[in-house]
Amino acid sequence: YYTEKPKDNHFRDIWLATLKPFNVMPKSKRYDIFCDEIQIKTAINFLSKFQNKLLIGINLEGAVKGKKIQYTELLDICQGLYSINSKIQIIIIFTPQKEQIVKEMIIKMRLDHVSIAYRTNNILDVSALIDQLHLIITPDTAISHIASTFNIPVITIHENNNESYKLFAPTSDLNRTVFSSKRNSLKGFSVDSILVHASDLIKLIKSER
């Protein structure tokens, strides 16, 4: 059975349509992720040292080559976020293979409000961490979908490809997207636009807390 693929449909709607021959009607289109108690406690314990901080997670790259936040862009984002709100703590999310590189980047930045996350060994580990944060910035659609699962506000960075964006757009109630100038990479995305969106979302987040 092949589902139709309308241009404006989200990938979740296309995949859920495969249930049609079985007369299964989904009660909800929201995602589900189930973390265990240890994973949840690990995340809470790690973040407990940042009491009364607005916790912003930044994921540096996606699985697709070219979808990456470069060091200079990361530095500008981290400095810009602090100028928006000095009561923030930025948590850099990374894959285990990039741990040492990320540590060196953070040391080089010399910003007290930027910390490296703990090592996460699988998707459920990082999901438990994201669930405890207040805002996510990511070039990776997988991380944006995890944030959307827990309805965490998210800013995504996407290549200049509207068809791809419509398929994989974030579904959190509060979400924004910044597009690059290239169809197949993130080159040319605007750090200033990220900061404008972050400022707007931080105001909304603070009003809800």
N, C-alpha and C. Protein backbone atom coordinates (compact mmCIF):
# COMPACT_ATOMS: atom_id res chain seq x y z
N TYR A 1 0.85 -1.19 0.00
CA TYR A 1 0.00 0.00 0.00
C TYR A 1 0.89 1.24 0.00
N TYR A 2 0.66 2.14 -0.93
CA TYR A 2 1.43 3.37 -1.04
C TYR A 2 0.56 4.55 -0.67
N THR A 3 1.06 5.36 0.27
CA THR A 3 0.32 6.57 0.64
C THR A 3 0.57 7.66 -0.38
N GLU A 4 -0.38 8.57 -0.46
CA GLU A 4 -0.17 9.75 -1.28
C GLU A 4 0.81 10.68 -0.58
N LYS A 5 1.45 11.53 -1.35
CA LYS A 5 2.42 12.46 -0.77
C LYS A 5 2.13 13.88 -1.26
N PRO A 6 1.07 14.48 -0.71
CA PRO A 6 0.77 15.87 -1.09
C PRO A 6 1.93 16.79 -0.70
N LYS A 7 2.19 17.80 -1.50
CA LYS A 7 3.35 18.66 -1.28
C LYS A 7 3.32 19.39 0.05
N ASP A 8 2.13 19.70 0.55
CA ASP A 8 2.04 20.49 1.78
C ASP A 8 1.91 19.63 3.04
N ASN A 9 1.94 18.32 2.89
CA ASN A 9 1.76 17.45 4.06
C ASN A 9 3.05 17.26 4.85
N HIS A 10 2.89 17.13 6.15
CA HIS A 10 3.99 16.80 7.04
C HIS A 10 4.25 15.30 6.96
N PHE A 11 5.51 14.90 7.21
CA PHE A 11 5.85 13.49 7.07
C PHE A 11 5.04 12.61 8.02
N ARG A 12 4.67 13.14 9.19
CA ARG A 12 3.90 12.32 10.13
C ARG A 12 2.53 11.97 9.55
N ASP A 13 1.92 12.90 8.79
CA ASP A 13 0.62 12.64 8.18
C ASP A 13 0.74 11.60 7.07
N ILE A 14 1.84 11.68 6.32
CA ILE A 14 2.07 10.72 5.24
C ILE A 14 2.27 9.31 5.80
N TRP A 15 3.05 9.22 6.88
CA TRP A 15 3.30 7.91 7.46
C TRP A 15 2.08 7.35 8.19
N LEU A 16 1.34 8.21 8.86
CA LEU A 16 0.14 7.74 9.54
C LEU A 16 -0.92 7.26 8.55
N ALA A 17 -0.84 7.77 7.32
CA ALA A 17 -1.80 7.34 6.30
C ALA A 17 -1.65 5.86 5.95
N THR A 18 -0.50 5.26 6.29
CA THR A 18 -0.31 3.83 6.00
C THR A 18 -1.23 2.95 6.87
N LEU A 19 -1.84 3.55 7.89
CA LEU A 19 -2.75 2.79 8.75
C LEU A 19 -4.15 2.67 8.14
N LYS A 20 -4.41 3.44 7.11
CA LYS A 20 -5.76 3.50 6.53
C LYS A 20 -6.32 2.14 6.12
N PRO A 21 -5.54 1.27 5.45
CA PRO A 21 -6.10 -0.04 5.06
C PRO A 21 -6.53 -0.89 6.24
N PHE A 22 -6.00 -0.60 7.43
CA PHE A 22 -6.35 -1.38 8.62
C PHE A 22 -7.48 -0.73 9.42
N ASN A 23 -8.04 0.36 8.85
CA ASN A 23 -9.12 1.09 9.52
C ASN A 23 -8.72 1.57 10.91
N VAL A 24 -7.45 1.94 11.04
CA VAL A 24 -6.95 2.48 12.30
C VAL A 24 -6.94 4.00 12.20
N MET A 25 -7.61 4.66 13.13
CA MET A 25 -7.67 6.11 13.15
C MET A 25 -6.87 6.61 14.35
N PRO A 26 -5.76 7.27 14.15
CA PRO A 26 -4.95 7.77 15.27
C PRO A 26 -5.75 8.73 16.16
N LYS A 27 -5.63 8.57 17.46
CA LYS A 27 -6.27 9.49 18.39
C LYS A 27 -5.54 10.82 18.45
N SER A 28 -4.24 10.80 18.13
CA SER A 28 -3.43 12.01 18.18
C SER A 28 -2.30 11.89 17.16
N LYS A 29 -1.87 13.04 16.66
CA LYS A 29 -0.73 13.07 15.75
C LYS A 29 0.56 13.44 16.47
N ARG A 30 0.48 13.63 17.77
CA ARG A 30 1.67 13.99 18.53
C ARG A 30 2.60 12.78 18.65
N TYR A 31 3.90 13.08 18.76
CA TYR A 31 4.89 12.02 18.91
C TYR A 31 4.92 11.51 20.35
N ASP A 32 5.45 10.34 20.54
CA ASP A 32 5.66 9.77 21.87
C ASP A 32 7.10 9.29 22.00
N ILE A 33 7.72 9.63 23.11
CA ILE A 33 9.04 9.10 23.47
C ILE A 33 8.97 8.70 24.93
N PHE A 34 9.46 7.52 25.25
CA PHE A 34 9.37 7.02 26.62
C PHE A 34 10.76 6.81 27.20
N CYS A 35 11.15 7.71 28.11
CA CYS A 35 12.44 7.60 28.79
C CYS A 35 12.24 6.89 30.12
N ASP A 36 13.26 6.18 30.56
CA ASP A 36 13.12 5.48 31.83
C ASP A 36 13.50 6.39 32.99
N GLU A 37 13.28 5.92 34.19
CA GLU A 37 13.48 6.73 35.39
C GLU A 37 14.94 7.16 35.55
N ILE A 38 15.87 6.28 35.21
CA ILE A 38 17.29 6.61 35.34
C ILE A 38 17.66 7.75 34.39
N GLN A 39 17.17 7.68 33.17
CA GLN A 39 17.46 8.73 32.20
C GLN A 39 16.90 10.08 32.64
N ILE A 40 15.70 10.06 33.16
CA ILE A 40 15.07 11.29 33.63
C ILE A 40 15.82 11.88 34.82
N LYS A 41 16.19 11.02 35.78
CA LYS A 41 16.93 11.48 36.97
C LYS A 41 18.30 12.02 36.59
N THR A 42 18.95 11.39 35.64
CA THR A 42 20.27 11.86 35.19
C THR A 42 20.17 13.29 34.65
N ALA A 43 19.15 13.54 33.85
CA ALA A 43 18.96 14.88 33.29
C ALA A 43 18.66 15.90 34.38
N ILE A 44 17.78 15.56 35.28
CA ILE A 44 17.40 16.48 36.36
C ILE A 44 18.59 16.77 37.26
N ASN A 45 19.35 15.75 37.60
CA ASN A 45 20.52 15.94 38.47
C ASN A 45 21.57 16.82 37.80
N PHE A 46 21.79 16.62 36.51
CA PHE A 46 22.78 17.42 35.79
C PHE A 46 22.39 18.90 35.78
N LEU A 47 21.12 19.17 35.58
CA LEU A 47 20.65 20.56 35.45
C LEU A 47 20.37 21.24 36.79
N SER A 48 20.42 20.46 37.88
CA SER A 48 20.10 21.03 39.20
C SER A 48 21.09 22.12 39.62
N LYS A 49 22.29 22.14 39.04
CA LYS A 49 23.28 23.15 39.40
C LYS A 49 22.99 24.49 38.73
N PHE A 50 22.00 24.51 37.84
CA PHE A 50 21.65 25.75 37.15
C PHE A 50 20.28 26.26 37.61
N GLN A 51 20.12 26.34 38.92
CA GLN A 51 18.86 26.79 39.50
C GLN A 51 18.51 28.20 39.04
N ASN A 52 17.22 28.42 38.76
CA ASN A 52 16.69 29.74 38.38
C ASN A 52 17.29 30.28 37.09
N LYS A 53 17.79 29.39 36.25
CA LYS A 53 18.32 29.79 34.95
C LYS A 53 17.33 29.40 33.85
N LEU A 54 17.32 30.19 32.80
CA LEU A 54 16.60 29.80 31.60
C LEU A 54 17.52 28.89 30.81
N LEU A 55 17.12 27.65 30.61
CA LEU A 55 18.00 26.63 30.05
C LEU A 55 17.77 26.51 28.54
N ILE A 56 18.82 26.82 27.79
CA ILE A 56 18.75 26.80 26.32
C ILE A 56 19.70 25.73 25.79
N GLY A 57 19.16 24.76 25.10
CA GLY A 57 19.99 23.72 24.49
C GLY A 57 20.32 24.07 23.06
N ILE A 58 21.59 23.94 22.69
CA ILE A 58 22.00 24.15 21.30
C ILE A 58 22.62 22.86 20.79
N ASN A 59 22.00 22.29 19.78
CA ASN A 59 22.54 21.12 19.10
C ASN A 59 23.34 21.61 17.89
N LEU A 60 24.57 21.15 17.74
CA LEU A 60 25.47 21.74 16.75
C LEU A 60 25.31 21.21 15.34
N GLU A 61 24.89 19.96 15.17
CA GLU A 61 24.85 19.44 13.81
C GLU A 61 23.88 18.29 13.67
N GLY A 62 23.50 18.05 12.41
CA GLY A 62 22.62 16.94 12.10
C GLY A 62 23.39 15.82 11.42
N ALA A 63 22.67 14.76 11.10
CA ALA A 63 23.31 13.60 10.47
C ALA A 63 23.65 13.89 9.01
N VAL A 64 22.92 14.82 8.39
CA VAL A 64 23.16 15.15 6.98
C VAL A 64 24.37 16.08 6.88
N LYS A 65 25.29 15.74 5.98
CA LYS A 65 26.49 16.55 5.81
C LYS A 65 26.13 17.98 5.42
N GLY A 66 26.78 18.93 6.06
CA GLY A 66 26.54 20.34 5.76
C GLY A 66 25.57 21.01 6.72
N LYS A 67 24.83 20.21 7.49
CA LYS A 67 23.89 20.79 8.45
C LYS A 67 24.60 20.95 9.79
N LYS A 68 25.31 22.05 9.92
CA LYS A 68 26.18 22.24 11.08
C LYS A 68 26.30 23.72 11.42
N ILE A 69 26.28 24.01 12.72
CA ILE A 69 26.57 25.36 13.20
C ILE A 69 28.08 25.47 13.40
N GLN A 70 28.72 26.40 12.71
CA GLN A 70 30.16 26.58 12.81
C GLN A 70 30.53 27.31 14.11
N TYR A 71 31.81 27.22 14.48
CA TYR A 71 32.26 27.80 15.75
C TYR A 71 31.96 29.30 15.84
N THR A 72 32.29 30.05 14.80
CA THR A 72 32.06 31.51 14.86
C THR A 72 30.58 31.83 14.99
N GLU A 73 29.74 31.04 14.33
CA GLU A 73 28.29 31.24 14.45
C GLU A 73 27.81 30.90 15.86
N LEU A 74 28.35 29.82 16.41
CA LEU A 74 27.98 29.43 17.77
C LEU A 74 28.38 30.52 18.77
N LEU A 75 29.58 31.05 18.62
CA LEU A 75 30.04 32.11 19.51
C LEU A 75 29.12 33.31 19.45
N ASP A 76 28.76 33.73 18.23
CA ASP A 76 27.86 34.88 18.07
C ASP A 76 26.49 34.60 18.67
N ILE A 77 25.99 33.38 18.51
CA ILE A 77 24.69 33.02 19.08
C ILE A 77 24.75 33.07 20.60
N CYS A 78 25.79 32.47 21.18
CA CYS A 78 25.91 32.42 22.64
C CYS A 78 26.06 33.81 23.25
N GLN A 79 26.86 34.67 22.62
CA GLN A 79 27.01 36.03 23.11
C GLN A 79 25.72 36.82 22.94
N GLY A 80 25.06 36.61 21.81
CA GLY A 80 23.82 37.32 21.54
C GLY A 80 22.71 36.93 22.50
N LEU A 81 22.61 35.65 22.82
CA LEU A 81 21.59 35.17 23.75
C LEU A 81 21.79 35.79 25.13
N TYR A 82 23.04 35.91 25.55
CA TYR A 82 23.34 36.49 26.87
C TYR A 82 22.95 37.96 26.91
N SER A 83 23.12 38.65 25.78
CA SER A 83 22.74 40.07 25.73
C SER A 83 21.22 40.24 25.80
N ILE A 84 20.50 39.20 25.37
CA ILE A 84 19.04 39.22 25.45
C ILE A 84 18.57 38.97 26.87
N ASN A 85 19.21 38.00 27.52
CA ASN A 85 18.83 37.63 28.88
C ASN A 85 20.06 37.07 29.59
N SER A 86 20.52 37.76 30.61
CA SER A 86 21.74 37.35 31.31
C SER A 86 21.49 36.18 32.27
N LYS A 87 20.23 35.82 32.49
CA LYS A 87 19.92 34.71 33.40
C LYS A 87 19.69 33.42 32.62
N ILE A 88 20.58 33.16 31.67
CA ILE A 88 20.46 31.95 30.88
C ILE A 88 21.64 31.02 31.15
N GLN A 89 21.44 29.76 30.85
CA GLN A 89 22.53 28.80 30.79
C GLN A 89 22.37 28.02 29.50
N ILE A 90 23.39 28.05 28.68
CA ILE A 90 23.35 27.36 27.40
C ILE A 90 24.01 25.99 27.55
N ILE A 91 23.31 24.96 27.13
CA ILE A 91 23.81 23.60 27.20
C ILE A 91 24.08 23.11 25.77
N ILE A 92 25.33 22.79 25.48
CA ILE A 92 25.70 22.33 24.15
C ILE A 92 25.50 20.82 24.06
N ILE A 93 24.63 20.40 23.15
CA ILE A 93 24.32 18.99 22.95
C ILE A 93 25.20 18.44 21.83
N PHE A 94 25.75 17.27 22.03
CA PHE A 94 26.72 16.72 21.08
C PHE A 94 26.58 15.21 20.97
N THR A 95 27.15 14.66 19.91
CA THR A 95 27.25 13.21 19.79
C THR A 95 28.52 12.76 20.51
N PRO A 96 28.55 11.54 21.03
CA PRO A 96 29.74 11.08 21.78
C PRO A 96 31.04 11.22 21.02
N GLN A 97 30.99 11.07 19.69
CA GLN A 97 32.21 11.15 18.90
C GLN A 97 32.79 12.56 18.86
N LYS A 98 31.97 13.56 19.13
CA LYS A 98 32.41 14.95 19.04
C LYS A 98 32.67 15.59 20.41
N GLU A 99 32.69 14.78 21.46
CA GLU A 99 32.81 15.31 22.82
C GLU A 99 34.05 16.17 23.00
N GLN A 100 35.20 15.68 22.60
CA GLN A 100 36.44 16.42 22.81
C GLN A 100 36.46 17.72 22.01
N ILE A 101 35.96 17.67 20.79
CA ILE A 101 35.90 18.87 19.95
C ILE A 101 35.03 19.93 20.59
N VAL A 102 33.88 19.51 21.12
CA VAL A 102 32.96 20.46 21.76
C VAL A 102 33.57 21.04 23.03
N LYS A 103 34.25 20.21 23.80
CA LYS A 103 34.92 20.71 25.01
C LYS A 103 35.93 21.80 24.66
N GLU A 104 36.70 21.56 23.62
CA GLU A 104 37.71 22.55 23.20
C GLU A 104 37.05 23.84 22.73
N MET A 105 35.92 23.73 22.04
CA MET A 105 35.20 24.91 21.59
C MET A 105 34.72 25.76 22.76
N ILE A 106 34.19 25.09 23.78
CA ILE A 106 33.65 25.81 24.94
C ILE A 106 34.78 26.47 25.73
N ILE A 107 35.89 25.78 25.87
CA ILE A 107 37.05 26.38 26.55
C ILE A 107 37.52 27.62 25.79
N LYS A 108 37.53 27.52 24.48
CA LYS A 108 37.96 28.64 23.63
C LYS A 108 37.03 29.84 23.76
N MET A 109 35.74 29.60 23.94
CA MET A 109 34.77 30.70 24.04
C MET A 109 34.91 31.49 25.33
N ARG A 110 35.28 30.81 26.41
CA ARG A 110 35.44 31.46 27.71
C ARG A 110 34.17 32.19 28.15
N LEU A 111 33.06 31.51 28.05
CA LEU A 111 31.78 32.09 28.46
C LEU A 111 31.20 31.25 29.59
N ASP A 112 31.02 31.87 30.75
CA ASP A 112 30.54 31.13 31.91
C ASP A 112 29.13 30.59 31.72
N HIS A 113 28.37 31.22 30.84
CA HIS A 113 26.97 30.79 30.67
C HIS A 113 26.81 29.69 29.61
N VAL A 114 27.94 29.11 29.20
CA VAL A 114 27.90 28.02 28.21
C VAL A 114 28.54 26.78 28.82
N SER A 115 27.83 25.67 28.79
CA SER A 115 28.32 24.41 29.36
C SER A 115 28.11 23.28 28.36
N ILE A 116 28.93 22.27 28.49
CA ILE A 116 28.75 21.07 27.68
C ILE A 116 27.77 20.15 28.40
N ALA A 117 26.92 19.49 27.63
CA ALA A 117 26.00 18.51 28.22
C ALA A 117 26.77 17.28 28.67
N TYR A 118 26.12 16.42 29.41
CA TYR A 118 26.74 15.15 29.74
C TYR A 118 26.67 14.23 28.52
N ARG A 119 27.49 13.19 28.53
CA ARG A 119 27.52 12.27 27.40
C ARG A 119 26.20 11.49 27.33
N THR A 120 25.57 11.54 26.18
CA THR A 120 24.35 10.77 25.95
C THR A 120 24.66 9.67 24.95
N ASN A 121 24.32 8.46 25.32
CA ASN A 121 24.73 7.30 24.52
C ASN A 121 23.67 6.84 23.52
N ASN A 122 22.44 7.33 23.66
CA ASN A 122 21.39 6.95 22.72
C ASN A 122 20.33 8.04 22.67
N ILE A 123 19.36 7.86 21.79
CA ILE A 123 18.35 8.89 21.55
C ILE A 123 17.47 9.14 22.77
N LEU A 124 17.28 8.13 23.61
CA LEU A 124 16.46 8.31 24.80
C LEU A 124 17.20 9.12 25.86
N ASP A 125 18.51 8.96 25.95
CA ASP A 125 19.31 9.77 26.87
C ASP A 125 19.17 11.26 26.54
N VAL A 126 19.33 11.60 25.26
CA VAL A 126 19.25 13.00 24.87
C VAL A 126 17.82 13.51 24.95
N SER A 127 16.85 12.63 24.75
CA SER A 127 15.45 13.02 24.86
C SER A 127 15.12 13.44 26.30
N ALA A 128 15.64 12.69 27.26
CA ALA A 128 15.40 13.03 28.66
C ALA A 128 15.97 14.39 29.01
N LEU A 129 17.13 14.72 28.43
CA LEU A 129 17.74 16.03 28.66
C LEU A 129 16.90 17.13 28.01
N ILE A 130 16.52 16.95 26.77
CA ILE A 130 15.75 17.98 26.06
C ILE A 130 14.43 18.28 26.76
N ASP A 131 13.84 17.25 27.34
CA ASP A 131 12.56 17.43 28.04
C ASP A 131 12.68 18.39 29.23
N GLN A 132 13.88 18.58 29.75
CA GLN A 132 14.08 19.44 30.92
C GLN A 132 14.53 20.86 30.55
N LEU A 133 14.70 21.14 29.26
CA LEU A 133 15.17 22.45 28.83
C LEU A 133 14.00 23.36 28.48
N HIS A 134 14.29 24.65 28.35
CA HIS A 134 13.22 25.63 28.07
C HIS A 134 13.17 26.05 26.61
N LEU A 135 14.27 25.90 25.90
CA LEU A 135 14.34 26.31 24.49
C LEU A 135 15.43 25.50 23.80
N ILE A 136 15.17 25.09 22.57
CA ILE A 136 16.14 24.33 21.78
C ILE A 136 16.45 25.09 20.49
N ILE A 137 17.73 25.15 20.14
CA ILE A 137 18.17 25.67 18.85
C ILE A 137 18.90 24.55 18.14
N THR A 138 18.48 24.21 16.92
CA THR A 138 19.07 23.04 16.27
C THR A 138 18.99 23.11 14.75
N PRO A 139 20.03 22.60 14.06
CA PRO A 139 19.97 22.44 12.62
C PRO A 139 19.51 21.04 12.22
N ASP A 140 19.21 20.21 13.21
CA ASP A 140 18.90 18.80 12.98
C ASP A 140 17.41 18.55 13.18
N THR A 141 16.75 17.98 12.19
CA THR A 141 15.31 17.76 12.31
C THR A 141 14.98 16.71 13.38
N ALA A 142 15.86 15.74 13.59
CA ALA A 142 15.59 14.73 14.62
C ALA A 142 15.47 15.38 16.00
N ILE A 143 16.38 16.29 16.31
CA ILE A 143 16.34 16.98 17.60
C ILE A 143 15.10 17.87 17.69
N SER A 144 14.71 18.49 16.57
CA SER A 144 13.51 19.34 16.60
C SER A 144 12.26 18.49 16.84
N HIS A 145 12.24 17.27 16.32
CA HIS A 145 11.09 16.39 16.56
C HIS A 145 11.05 15.93 18.01
N ILE A 146 12.21 15.69 18.60
CA ILE A 146 12.25 15.34 20.03
C ILE A 146 11.72 16.51 20.87
N ALA A 147 12.17 17.72 20.55
CA ALA A 147 11.66 18.90 21.26
C ALA A 147 10.15 19.01 21.08
N SER A 148 9.67 18.73 19.87
CA SER A 148 8.24 18.82 19.60
C SER A 148 7.46 17.76 20.37
N THR A 149 8.06 16.61 20.60
CA THR A 149 7.41 15.56 21.38
C THR A 149 7.02 16.06 22.76
N PHE A 150 7.92 16.86 23.37
CA PHE A 150 7.69 17.38 24.71
C PHE A 150 7.15 18.81 24.67
N ASN A 151 6.83 19.28 23.47
CA ASN A 151 6.31 20.63 23.26
C ASN A 151 7.26 21.70 23.80
N ILE A 152 8.57 21.46 23.63
CA ILE A 152 9.58 22.44 24.03
C ILE A 152 9.72 23.46 22.89
N PRO A 153 9.70 24.75 23.19
CA PRO A 153 9.93 25.76 22.15
C PRO A 153 11.23 25.49 21.40
N VAL A 154 11.19 25.67 20.10
CA VAL A 154 12.34 25.29 19.28
C VAL A 154 12.56 26.28 18.14
N ILE A 155 13.84 26.56 17.89
CA ILE A 155 14.25 27.33 16.71
C ILE A 155 15.06 26.39 15.84
N THR A 156 14.61 26.16 14.62
CA THR A 156 15.34 25.28 13.72
C THR A 156 16.05 26.09 12.65
N ILE A 157 17.15 25.55 12.18
CA ILE A 157 17.90 26.15 11.07
C ILE A 157 17.77 25.17 9.91
N HIS A 158 17.23 25.65 8.79
CA HIS A 158 16.92 24.74 7.69
C HIS A 158 17.51 25.26 6.39
N GLU A 159 17.89 24.34 5.53
CA GLU A 159 18.37 24.73 4.21
C GLU A 159 17.22 25.39 3.43
N ASN A 160 17.56 26.12 2.39
CA ASN A 160 16.57 26.86 1.62
C ASN A 160 15.82 25.92 0.68
N ASN A 161 15.00 25.06 1.29
CA ASN A 161 14.27 24.03 0.56
C ASN A 161 12.89 23.91 1.20
N ASN A 162 11.91 24.57 0.60
CA ASN A 162 10.59 24.66 1.21
C ASN A 162 9.88 23.30 1.27
N GLU A 163 10.09 22.46 0.26
CA GLU A 163 9.46 21.14 0.26
C GLU A 163 9.98 20.29 1.42
N SER A 164 11.29 20.32 1.63
CA SER A 164 11.88 19.59 2.74
C SER A 164 11.39 20.15 4.08
N TYR A 165 11.31 21.47 4.16
CA TYR A 165 10.85 22.09 5.41
C TYR A 165 9.43 21.66 5.75
N LYS A 166 8.54 21.67 4.78
CA LYS A 166 7.15 21.30 5.05
C LYS A 166 7.04 19.86 5.52
N LEU A 167 7.91 19.00 5.00
CA LEU A 167 7.90 17.60 5.43
C LEU A 167 8.35 17.43 6.87
N PHE A 168 9.38 18.21 7.27
CA PHE A 168 10.03 17.96 8.55
C PHE A 168 9.95 19.14 9.52
N ALA A 169 9.00 20.03 9.33
CA ALA A 169 8.88 21.21 10.18
C ALA A 169 8.61 20.82 11.63
N PRO A 170 9.11 21.61 12.59
CA PRO A 170 8.83 21.34 14.00
C PRO A 170 7.34 21.53 14.28
N THR A 171 6.85 20.82 15.29
CA THR A 171 5.42 20.90 15.61
C THR A 171 5.16 21.38 17.04
N SER A 172 6.18 21.86 17.73
CA SER A 172 5.96 22.48 19.04
C SER A 172 5.03 23.68 18.87
N ASP A 173 4.25 23.97 19.89
CA ASP A 173 3.35 25.13 19.82
C ASP A 173 4.12 26.41 19.55
N LEU A 174 5.32 26.53 20.15
CA LEU A 174 6.18 27.68 19.93
C LEU A 174 7.36 27.22 19.09
N ASN A 175 7.39 27.61 17.83
CA ASN A 175 8.51 27.24 16.98
C ASN A 175 8.79 28.32 15.94
N ARG A 176 10.05 28.44 15.59
CA ARG A 176 10.49 29.38 14.57
C ARG A 176 11.55 28.68 13.72
N THR A 177 11.70 29.12 12.47
CA THR A 177 12.72 28.54 11.59
C THR A 177 13.46 29.64 10.86
N VAL A 178 14.79 29.49 10.80
CA VAL A 178 15.65 30.39 10.04
C VAL A 178 16.18 29.59 8.85
N PHE A 179 16.08 30.17 7.66
CA PHE A 179 16.52 29.48 6.45
C PHE A 179 17.87 30.00 5.98
N SER A 180 18.68 29.08 5.47
CA SER A 180 19.97 29.47 4.89
C SER A 180 19.74 30.02 3.48
N SER A 181 20.80 30.42 2.85
CA SER A 181 20.71 30.92 1.47
C SER A 181 20.97 29.81 0.45
N LYS A 182 21.33 28.61 0.93
CA LYS A 182 21.66 27.50 0.05
C LYS A 182 20.63 26.38 0.15
N ARG A 183 20.38 25.71 -0.97
CA ARG A 183 19.39 24.64 -0.99
C ARG A 183 19.89 23.37 -0.29
N ASN A 184 21.20 23.13 -0.32
CA ASN A 184 21.73 21.87 0.20
C ASN A 184 22.66 22.03 1.39
N SER A 185 22.69 23.20 1.99
CA SER A 185 23.53 23.39 3.17
C SER A 185 22.98 24.54 4.01
N LEU A 186 23.61 24.76 5.15
CA LEU A 186 23.17 25.85 6.04
C LEU A 186 23.96 27.13 5.83
N LYS A 187 24.82 27.16 4.82
CA LYS A 187 25.62 28.35 4.59
C LYS A 187 24.74 29.55 4.32
N GLY A 188 25.06 30.64 5.02
CA GLY A 188 24.32 31.87 4.80
C GLY A 188 23.13 32.09 5.71
N PHE A 189 22.94 31.19 6.71
CA PHE A 189 21.82 31.46 7.63
C PHE A 189 22.17 32.66 8.51
N SER A 190 21.15 33.35 8.97
CA SER A 190 21.33 34.60 9.70
C SER A 190 21.33 34.37 11.21
N VAL A 191 22.46 34.63 11.84
CA VAL A 191 22.53 34.57 13.31
C VAL A 191 21.61 35.62 13.91
N ASP A 192 21.55 36.80 13.29
CA ASP A 192 20.67 37.87 13.79
C ASP A 192 19.22 37.42 13.82
N SER A 193 18.79 36.67 12.81
CA SER A 193 17.41 36.18 12.77
C SER A 193 17.16 35.19 13.91
N ILE A 194 18.14 34.35 14.19
CA ILE A 194 18.01 33.42 15.32
C ILE A 194 17.81 34.19 16.61
N LEU A 195 18.59 35.26 16.79
CA LEU A 195 18.51 36.04 18.02
C LEU A 195 17.19 36.79 18.12
N VAL A 196 16.67 37.26 17.01
CA VAL A 196 15.35 37.92 17.02
C VAL A 196 14.28 36.92 17.44
N HIS A 197 14.31 35.73 16.86
CA HIS A 197 13.34 34.70 17.23
C HIS A 197 13.52 34.28 18.68
N ALA A 198 14.77 34.15 19.11
CA ALA A 198 15.04 33.75 20.50
C ALA A 198 14.49 34.78 21.47
N SER A 199 14.67 36.05 21.15
CA SER A 199 14.16 37.11 22.01
C SER A 199 12.64 37.01 22.14
N ASP A 200 11.96 36.78 21.03
CA ASP A 200 10.50 36.65 21.05
C ASP A 200 10.07 35.44 21.88
N LEU A 201 10.72 34.31 21.67
CA LEU A 201 10.33 33.09 22.38
C LEU A 201 10.65 33.17 23.86
N ILE A 202 11.78 33.78 24.21
CA ILE A 202 12.14 33.92 25.62
C ILE A 202 11.09 34.74 26.37
N LYS A 203 10.59 35.79 25.73
CA LYS A 203 9.53 36.59 26.36
C LYS A 203 8.27 35.74 26.60
N LEU A 204 7.93 34.92 25.62
CA LEU A 204 6.75 34.06 25.77
C LEU A 204 6.99 32.99 26.84
N ILE A 205 8.19 32.43 26.85
CA ILE A 205 8.51 31.41 27.84
C ILE A 205 8.44 31.98 29.26
N LYS A 206 9.01 33.18 29.44
CA LYS A 206 9.01 33.82 30.75
C LYS A 206 7.59 34.12 31.22
N SER A 207 6.72 34.49 30.29
CA SER A 207 5.34 34.80 30.67
C SER A 207 4.57 33.57 31.10
N GLU A 208 5.04 32.40 30.64
CA GLU A 208 4.35 31.15 30.97
C GLU A 208 4.91 30.49 32.24
N ARG A 209 6.11 30.89 32.65
CA ARG A 209 6.75 30.25 33.81
C ARG A 209 6.19 30.80 35.12
